[in-house]
Amino acid sequence: MKAKKLFNPQGIDSIQERKVINGNTTNIFNLNNVKYTWANKLYRVMMENFWIPEKVDLTADINDYKNLTIEEKKAFDGILSFLIFLDSIQTNNVPHISDYITSPEINLVLAIQTYQEAIHSQSYQYIIETILPKETRNYIYDFWRDDKVLFERNQYIAKIFQNFLDTSSEANFKKVLIANFLLEGLYFYNGFNFFYNLASRHKMHGTADIIRYINRDELLHVVIFKKVIPEVIDENDHKWIYEMFEIAVKQEITWTNHIIGNSVLGISEDATEKYTKYLANSLLERIDLKPLYPGFLDNPYMHLEKIADTEGKGDVKANFFEATVTSYNQSSSIEGWDF
């Protein structure tokens, strides 16, 4: 594959000629004529979802953190470190994906995704700066250096992205898309549930509020790749996709059990396995593939959805598995879009 030209005078921008990849685009954003209408709708929702982390009050969380158990603090610190890695690498990697997308409407939503990933990174900084003592802040950012399990997780996903940067083949590009899909739809969610678990027990409410905002954004990012992947993959890709899912599920379960295990009230290794495999099956269904784990069809953490989805409070409503999102933000709101 070759990255598209910054400006291609010989390009053709008609809807009939437009492709997700390998198209002949001028790279002019003609957004009055749109082929992938889902991207146009999604862009509007993403733009409505503007938020500023500093508007969330973390004052009570300072004392809450001091009173967490040793196991809860370990999980809080480790999960936060992993989330920092995920959003850091996405901020850097998404523009490289966009370089090979030849549909301007999809380029537009990827640009908003990049911006949102940067906001997420800044949100973690706000949490760390507000809640943690100054002398321990760098510990969160360097957690992966000393934790072998986390380092291996970070290295696995980073290597897939780096392979595409080093060798820009179509096969490597497809793997990057699946890696992004897994990152946005699987890697975050045991971590998110930990923060919702704390909030359900009246701890760290401010942090959970920020996670809700991030969670809402990530659900929309899942929609992007859910729409793009079926346009790019074919039946010859199914085997290696399943292999990537198996590795991702194994790593997610290993990491969650390593950082949480059975040491936090309301979370267990059994539930972690069920939830992770449930997520994997749901993601595969989104891209029209059969489930990988028969029987794992139920969410063991349904009781936490009232924390993640505060519909009654007018905050978050995001049903990823139905691919329906009702946005909320800190200024105005927009009703739902079906993608």
Protein backbone atom coordinates (compact mmCIF):
# COMPACT_ATOMS: atom_id res chain seq x y z
CA MET A 1 0.00 0.00 0.00
CA LYS A 2 0.99 3.58 -0.54
CA ALA A 3 -0.14 6.50 1.53
CA LYS A 4 -2.42 8.81 -0.42
CA LYS A 5 -0.97 12.03 -1.79
CA LEU A 6 -1.57 15.24 0.09
CA PHE A 7 -3.08 16.65 -3.10
CA ASN A 8 -3.82 14.52 -6.14
CA PRO A 9 -5.05 16.61 -9.11
CA GLN A 10 -5.72 13.42 -11.10
CA GLY A 11 -8.07 12.09 -8.41
CA ILE A 12 -11.78 11.45 -8.88
CA ASP A 13 -14.06 12.34 -5.98
CA SER A 14 -17.37 11.03 -7.26
CA ILE A 15 -19.39 8.83 -4.94
CA GLN A 16 -19.26 6.02 -7.49
CA GLU A 17 -15.45 5.98 -7.42
CA ARG A 18 -15.03 6.49 -3.70
CA LYS A 19 -13.44 3.69 -1.66
CA VAL A 20 -12.44 3.20 1.97
CA ILE A 21 -8.89 2.28 0.91
CA ASN A 22 -7.02 2.22 -2.41
CA GLY A 23 -9.27 4.88 -3.89
CA ASN A 24 -8.17 7.63 -6.25
CA THR A 25 -9.02 10.66 -4.15
CA THR A 26 -7.96 14.25 -4.73
CA ASN A 27 -7.83 14.47 -0.91
CA ILE A 28 -10.17 17.46 -1.05
CA PHE A 29 -12.89 17.12 1.59
CA ASN A 30 -16.03 17.23 -0.55
CA LEU A 31 -18.49 16.62 2.26
CA ASN A 32 -21.59 17.65 0.35
CA ASN A 33 -21.40 14.38 -1.57
CA VAL A 34 -20.99 11.56 0.93
CA LYS A 35 -20.94 7.83 0.20
CA TYR A 36 -20.55 6.55 3.76
CA THR A 37 -23.43 8.39 5.41
CA TRP A 38 -22.78 6.72 8.77
CA ALA A 39 -19.53 8.70 9.01
CA ASN A 40 -21.37 11.97 8.49
CA LYS A 41 -23.81 11.16 11.30
CA LEU A 42 -21.06 9.88 13.56
CA TYR A 43 -19.03 13.05 13.03
CA ARG A 44 -21.92 15.16 14.29
CA VAL A 45 -22.31 13.06 17.41
CA MET A 46 -18.58 13.14 18.12
CA MET A 47 -18.52 16.91 17.74
CA GLU A 48 -21.40 17.23 20.21
CA ASN A 49 -19.43 15.19 22.72
CA PHE A 50 -16.99 17.95 23.57
CA TRP A 51 -15.96 17.91 27.21
CA ILE A 52 -13.29 19.29 29.51
CA PRO A 53 -11.91 17.03 32.27
CA GLU A 54 -11.24 19.92 34.66
CA LYS A 55 -14.98 20.53 34.90
CA VAL A 56 -15.25 17.29 36.87
CA ASP A 57 -14.72 17.81 40.58
CA LEU A 58 -12.16 15.38 42.01
CA THR A 59 -11.94 16.92 45.48
CA ALA A 60 -13.68 14.02 47.26
CA ASP A 61 -11.53 11.51 45.38
CA ILE A 62 -8.40 12.75 47.15
CA ASN A 63 -9.62 11.42 50.48
CA ASP A 64 -11.28 8.38 48.87
CA TYR A 65 -7.97 7.31 47.35
CA LYS A 66 -6.24 7.52 50.71
CA ASN A 67 -8.84 5.15 52.12
CA LEU A 68 -8.71 2.55 49.35
CA THR A 69 -7.41 -0.87 50.32
CA ILE A 70 -3.87 -1.80 49.29
CA GLU A 71 -5.34 -4.06 46.59
CA GLU A 72 -7.65 -1.31 45.31
CA LYS A 73 -4.76 1.16 45.12
CA LYS A 74 -2.67 -1.35 43.19
CA ALA A 75 -5.51 -1.90 40.73
CA PHE A 76 -6.24 1.84 40.46
CA ASP A 77 -2.61 2.68 39.70
CA GLY A 78 -2.02 -0.23 37.31
CA ILE A 79 -5.22 0.20 35.33
CA LEU A 80 -4.63 3.92 35.02
CA SER A 81 -1.15 3.19 33.66
CA PHE A 82 -2.58 0.82 31.06
CA LEU A 83 -5.25 3.33 30.00
CA ILE A 84 -2.56 5.97 29.60
CA PHE A 85 -0.68 3.66 27.25
CA LEU A 86 -3.78 2.84 25.18
CA ASP A 87 -4.77 6.45 24.58
CA SER A 88 -1.16 7.56 24.06
CA ILE A 89 -0.57 5.01 21.32
CA GLN A 90 -3.92 5.78 19.71
CA THR A 91 -3.20 9.50 19.58
CA ASN A 92 -0.04 8.70 17.65
CA ASN A 93 -1.35 5.82 15.55
CA VAL A 94 -4.77 6.93 14.26
CA PRO A 95 -3.32 9.59 11.90
CA HIS A 96 -1.21 6.87 10.26
CA ILE A 97 -4.38 4.87 9.58
CA SER A 98 -6.00 7.96 8.11
CA ASP A 99 -3.09 8.34 5.67
CA TYR A 100 -4.38 5.25 3.85
CA ILE A 101 -8.12 5.96 4.05
CA THR A 102 -9.37 7.45 0.79
CA SER A 103 -12.84 8.49 1.92
CA PRO A 104 -12.89 12.09 3.21
CA GLU A 105 -15.91 11.55 5.45
CA ILE A 106 -14.08 8.72 7.25
CA ASN A 107 -10.90 10.81 7.46
CA LEU A 108 -12.99 13.42 9.24
CA VAL A 109 -14.16 11.10 12.03
CA LEU A 110 -10.63 9.72 12.44
CA ALA A 111 -9.40 13.29 12.95
CA ILE A 112 -11.97 13.77 15.72
CA GLN A 113 -10.96 10.44 17.24
CA THR A 114 -7.33 11.58 17.39
CA TYR A 115 -8.41 14.75 19.17
CA GLN A 116 -10.50 12.78 21.66
CA GLU A 117 -7.65 10.39 22.41
CA ALA A 118 -5.50 13.40 23.27
CA ILE A 119 -8.22 14.67 25.62
CA HIS A 120 -8.25 11.27 27.32
CA SER A 121 -4.49 11.44 27.90
CA GLN A 122 -4.87 14.88 29.41
CA SER A 123 -7.70 13.54 31.60
CA TYR A 124 -5.43 10.93 33.12
CA GLN A 125 -2.90 13.66 33.85
CA TYR A 126 -5.63 15.63 35.64
CA ILE A 127 -6.56 12.59 37.75
CA ILE A 128 -2.94 11.90 38.65
CA GLU A 129 -2.09 15.53 39.40
CA THR A 130 -5.18 16.01 41.56
CA ILE A 131 -5.35 12.75 43.49
CA LEU A 132 -1.84 11.36 43.84
CA PRO A 133 0.98 12.83 45.94
CA LYS A 134 3.59 14.61 43.84
CA GLU A 135 6.34 12.14 44.71
CA THR A 136 4.36 9.17 43.32
CA ARG A 137 3.00 10.63 40.07
CA ASN A 138 5.80 9.43 37.80
CA TYR A 139 5.28 5.94 39.19
CA ILE A 140 2.02 5.68 37.24
CA TYR A 141 3.66 6.62 33.94
CA ASP A 142 6.57 4.23 34.54
CA PHE A 143 4.48 1.36 35.91
CA TRP A 144 4.94 -0.64 32.70
CA ARG A 145 8.72 -0.57 33.05
CA ASP A 146 8.62 -2.72 36.17
CA ASP A 147 5.49 -4.79 35.55
CA LYS A 148 6.28 -7.65 33.17
CA VAL A 149 2.64 -8.48 32.41
CA LEU A 150 1.81 -4.90 31.49
CA PHE A 151 4.98 -4.50 29.44
CA GLU A 152 4.15 -7.58 27.38
CA ARG A 153 0.62 -6.28 26.75
CA ASN A 154 1.88 -2.89 25.66
CA GLN A 155 4.57 -4.43 23.48
CA TYR A 156 2.13 -6.74 21.68
CA ILE A 157 -0.20 -4.03 20.44
CA ALA A 158 2.63 -1.56 19.77
CA LYS A 159 4.44 -4.13 17.61
CA ILE A 160 1.41 -4.55 15.35
CA PHE A 161 1.25 -0.81 14.82
CA GLN A 162 5.01 -0.56 14.30
CA ASN A 163 5.03 -3.40 11.77
CA PHE A 164 2.66 -1.41 9.58
CA LEU A 165 4.80 1.71 9.90
CA ASP A 166 7.86 -0.31 8.90
CA THR A 167 6.14 -2.30 6.13
CA SER A 168 2.99 -0.69 4.78
CA SER A 169 1.42 -3.78 3.24
CA GLU A 170 -2.31 -4.33 2.97
CA ALA A 171 -2.01 -7.38 5.25
CA ASN A 172 -0.36 -5.29 7.95
CA PHE A 173 -2.95 -2.56 7.49
CA LYS A 174 -5.77 -5.04 8.07
CA LYS A 175 -4.07 -6.22 11.25
CA VAL A 176 -3.83 -2.63 12.44
CA LEU A 177 -7.58 -2.23 11.93
CA ILE A 178 -8.34 -5.36 13.95
CA ALA A 179 -5.87 -4.29 16.64
CA ASN A 180 -7.64 -0.94 16.88
CA PHE A 181 -11.00 -2.67 17.07
CA LEU A 182 -9.77 -4.85 19.92
CA LEU A 183 -8.12 -1.92 21.67
CA GLU A 184 -11.26 0.22 21.53
CA GLY A 185 -13.74 -2.59 22.19
CA LEU A 186 -11.99 -5.04 24.53
CA TYR A 187 -8.86 -3.67 26.18
CA PHE A 188 -10.50 -0.78 28.03
CA TYR A 189 -13.51 -2.44 29.55
CA ASN A 190 -12.31 -4.51 32.50
CA GLY A 191 -10.49 -1.36 33.56
CA PHE A 192 -13.58 0.80 33.14
CA ASN A 193 -15.59 -1.72 35.17
CA PHE A 194 -13.11 -1.43 38.03
CA PHE A 195 -13.80 2.31 38.33
CA TYR A 196 -17.56 1.74 38.05
CA ASN A 197 -17.23 -0.92 40.74
CA LEU A 198 -15.61 1.61 43.07
CA ALA A 199 -18.33 4.16 42.32
CA SER A 200 -21.03 1.58 43.05
CA ARG A 201 -19.47 1.29 46.51
CA HIS A 202 -19.40 5.09 46.92
CA LYS A 203 -15.71 5.52 46.19
CA MET A 204 -13.90 7.69 43.61
CA HIS A 205 -17.06 9.19 42.09
CA GLY A 206 -15.18 11.97 40.30
CA THR A 207 -12.78 9.55 38.62
CA ALA A 208 -15.73 7.39 37.55
CA ASP A 209 -17.38 10.48 36.01
CA ILE A 210 -14.29 11.11 33.88
CA ILE A 211 -14.18 7.44 32.90
CA ARG A 212 -17.81 7.74 31.76
CA TYR A 213 -16.84 10.53 29.38
CA ILE A 214 -13.91 8.50 28.06
CA ASN A 215 -16.08 5.37 27.84
CA ARG A 216 -18.63 7.22 25.74
CA ASP A 217 -15.94 8.37 23.31
CA GLU A 218 -14.45 4.89 23.03
CA LEU A 219 -17.84 3.41 22.18
CA LEU A 220 -18.01 5.74 19.20
CA HIS A 221 -14.49 4.77 18.17
CA VAL A 222 -15.64 1.15 18.14
CA VAL A 223 -18.36 2.17 15.68
CA ILE A 224 -15.75 3.64 13.32
CA PHE A 225 -13.82 0.39 13.04
CA LYS A 226 -16.97 -1.72 13.08
CA LYS A 227 -17.97 0.11 9.89
CA VAL A 228 -14.55 0.19 8.22
CA ILE A 229 -13.40 -3.40 8.82
CA PRO A 230 -16.13 -5.21 6.81
CA GLU A 231 -15.29 -2.95 3.87
CA VAL A 232 -11.67 -4.13 3.92
CA ILE A 233 -11.49 -7.76 5.08
CA ASP A 234 -12.64 -10.87 3.22
CA GLU A 235 -13.20 -14.53 4.08
CA ASN A 236 -9.48 -15.29 3.67
CA ASP A 237 -8.79 -13.06 6.67
CA HIS A 238 -10.96 -14.90 9.17
CA LYS A 239 -8.34 -17.31 10.51
CA TRP A 240 -5.79 -14.71 11.56
CA ILE A 241 -8.53 -12.44 12.92
CA TYR A 242 -9.65 -15.21 15.26
CA GLU A 243 -6.03 -15.77 16.25
CA MET A 244 -5.66 -12.08 17.15
CA PHE A 245 -8.86 -12.24 19.18
CA GLU A 246 -7.62 -15.29 21.07
CA ILE A 247 -4.35 -13.57 21.96
CA ALA A 248 -6.15 -10.38 22.99
CA VAL A 249 -8.63 -12.25 25.20
CA LYS A 250 -5.87 -14.26 26.85
CA GLN A 251 -3.82 -11.15 27.54
CA GLU A 252 -6.81 -9.21 28.85
CA ILE A 253 -7.77 -11.99 31.25
CA THR A 254 -4.16 -12.48 32.40
CA TRP A 255 -3.65 -8.76 32.95
CA THR A 256 -6.96 -8.24 34.80
CA ASN A 257 -6.35 -11.22 37.05
CA HIS A 258 -2.81 -9.97 37.64
CA ILE A 259 -3.83 -6.44 38.63
CA ILE A 260 -7.20 -7.23 40.28
CA GLY A 261 -7.75 -10.99 40.55
CA ASN A 262 -10.14 -11.80 43.38
CA SER A 263 -8.82 -9.07 45.67
CA VAL A 264 -11.42 -6.37 44.96
CA LEU A 265 -14.97 -6.72 46.25
CA GLY A 266 -17.40 -7.38 43.40
CA ILE A 267 -14.77 -8.55 40.87
CA SER A 268 -13.62 -12.14 40.42
CA GLU A 269 -11.41 -14.10 38.06
CA ASP A 270 -14.45 -16.11 36.96
CA ALA A 271 -16.40 -12.95 36.10
CA THR A 272 -13.37 -11.50 34.29
CA GLU A 273 -13.19 -14.54 32.02
CA LYS A 274 -16.92 -14.46 31.31
CA TYR A 275 -16.96 -10.74 30.64
CA THR A 276 -13.89 -10.71 28.39
CA LYS A 277 -15.13 -13.61 26.27
CA TYR A 278 -18.58 -12.02 26.12
CA LEU A 279 -17.00 -8.81 24.80
CA ALA A 280 -14.98 -10.74 22.21
CA ASN A 281 -18.06 -12.57 20.94
CA SER A 282 -19.98 -9.30 20.71
CA LEU A 283 -17.16 -7.61 18.80
CA LEU A 284 -16.93 -10.47 16.31
CA GLU A 285 -20.67 -10.26 15.75
CA ARG A 286 -20.30 -6.55 14.96
CA ILE A 287 -18.06 -7.41 11.99
CA ASP A 288 -20.27 -10.31 10.85
CA LEU A 289 -18.09 -13.13 12.20
CA LYS A 290 -19.20 -16.09 14.31
CA PRO A 291 -18.56 -16.08 18.08
CA LEU A 292 -15.24 -17.52 19.23
CA TYR A 293 -16.45 -18.62 22.65
CA PRO A 294 -19.75 -20.57 22.56
CA GLY A 295 -21.88 -20.07 25.63
CA PHE A 296 -20.36 -16.73 26.67
CA LEU A 297 -23.38 -14.64 25.75
CA ASP A 298 -24.18 -12.82 28.99
CA ASN A 299 -22.59 -9.82 30.67
CA PRO A 300 -21.76 -10.72 34.30
CA TYR A 301 -21.40 -7.03 35.11
CA MET A 302 -24.85 -5.91 33.99
CA HIS A 303 -25.42 -4.48 37.46
CA LEU A 304 -22.68 -1.91 36.78
CA GLU A 305 -24.45 -0.51 33.73
CA LYS A 306 -26.44 1.79 36.02
CA ILE A 307 -23.07 3.34 36.89
CA ALA A 308 -21.70 3.44 33.35
CA ASP A 309 -25.02 4.57 31.87
CA THR A 310 -26.55 7.26 34.05
CA GLU A 311 -29.59 7.84 31.86
CA GLY A 312 -31.67 8.93 34.83
CA LYS A 313 -29.15 11.69 35.61
CA GLY A 314 -29.00 12.95 32.06
CA ASP A 315 -25.40 11.93 31.56
CA VAL A 316 -24.30 8.89 29.59
CA LYS A 317 -26.41 6.65 27.43
CA ALA A 318 -24.34 4.48 25.11
CA ASN A 319 -25.38 1.02 24.01
CA PHE A 320 -22.34 -0.26 22.16
CA PHE A 321 -23.71 -3.70 21.42
CA GLU A 322 -26.69 -2.26 19.59
CA ALA A 323 -24.37 0.35 18.08
CA THR A 324 -26.75 3.07 19.24
CA VAL A 325 -25.40 6.11 20.99
CA THR A 326 -27.24 8.96 22.65
CA SER A 327 -24.71 11.64 23.36
CA TYR A 328 -24.41 13.90 26.35
CA ASN A 329 -21.94 16.62 26.96
CA GLN A 330 -21.14 19.51 29.24
CA SER A 331 -22.98 22.13 27.24
CA SER A 332 -25.72 20.77 24.99
CA SER A 333 -27.09 17.42 23.89
CA ILE A 334 -28.33 15.65 20.80
CA GLU A 335 -30.76 12.77 20.55
CA GLY A 336 -29.65 9.34 19.36
CA TRP A 337 -28.13 8.22 16.11
CA ASP A 338 -28.42 4.68 14.81
CA PHE A 339 -25.32 3.63 12.92
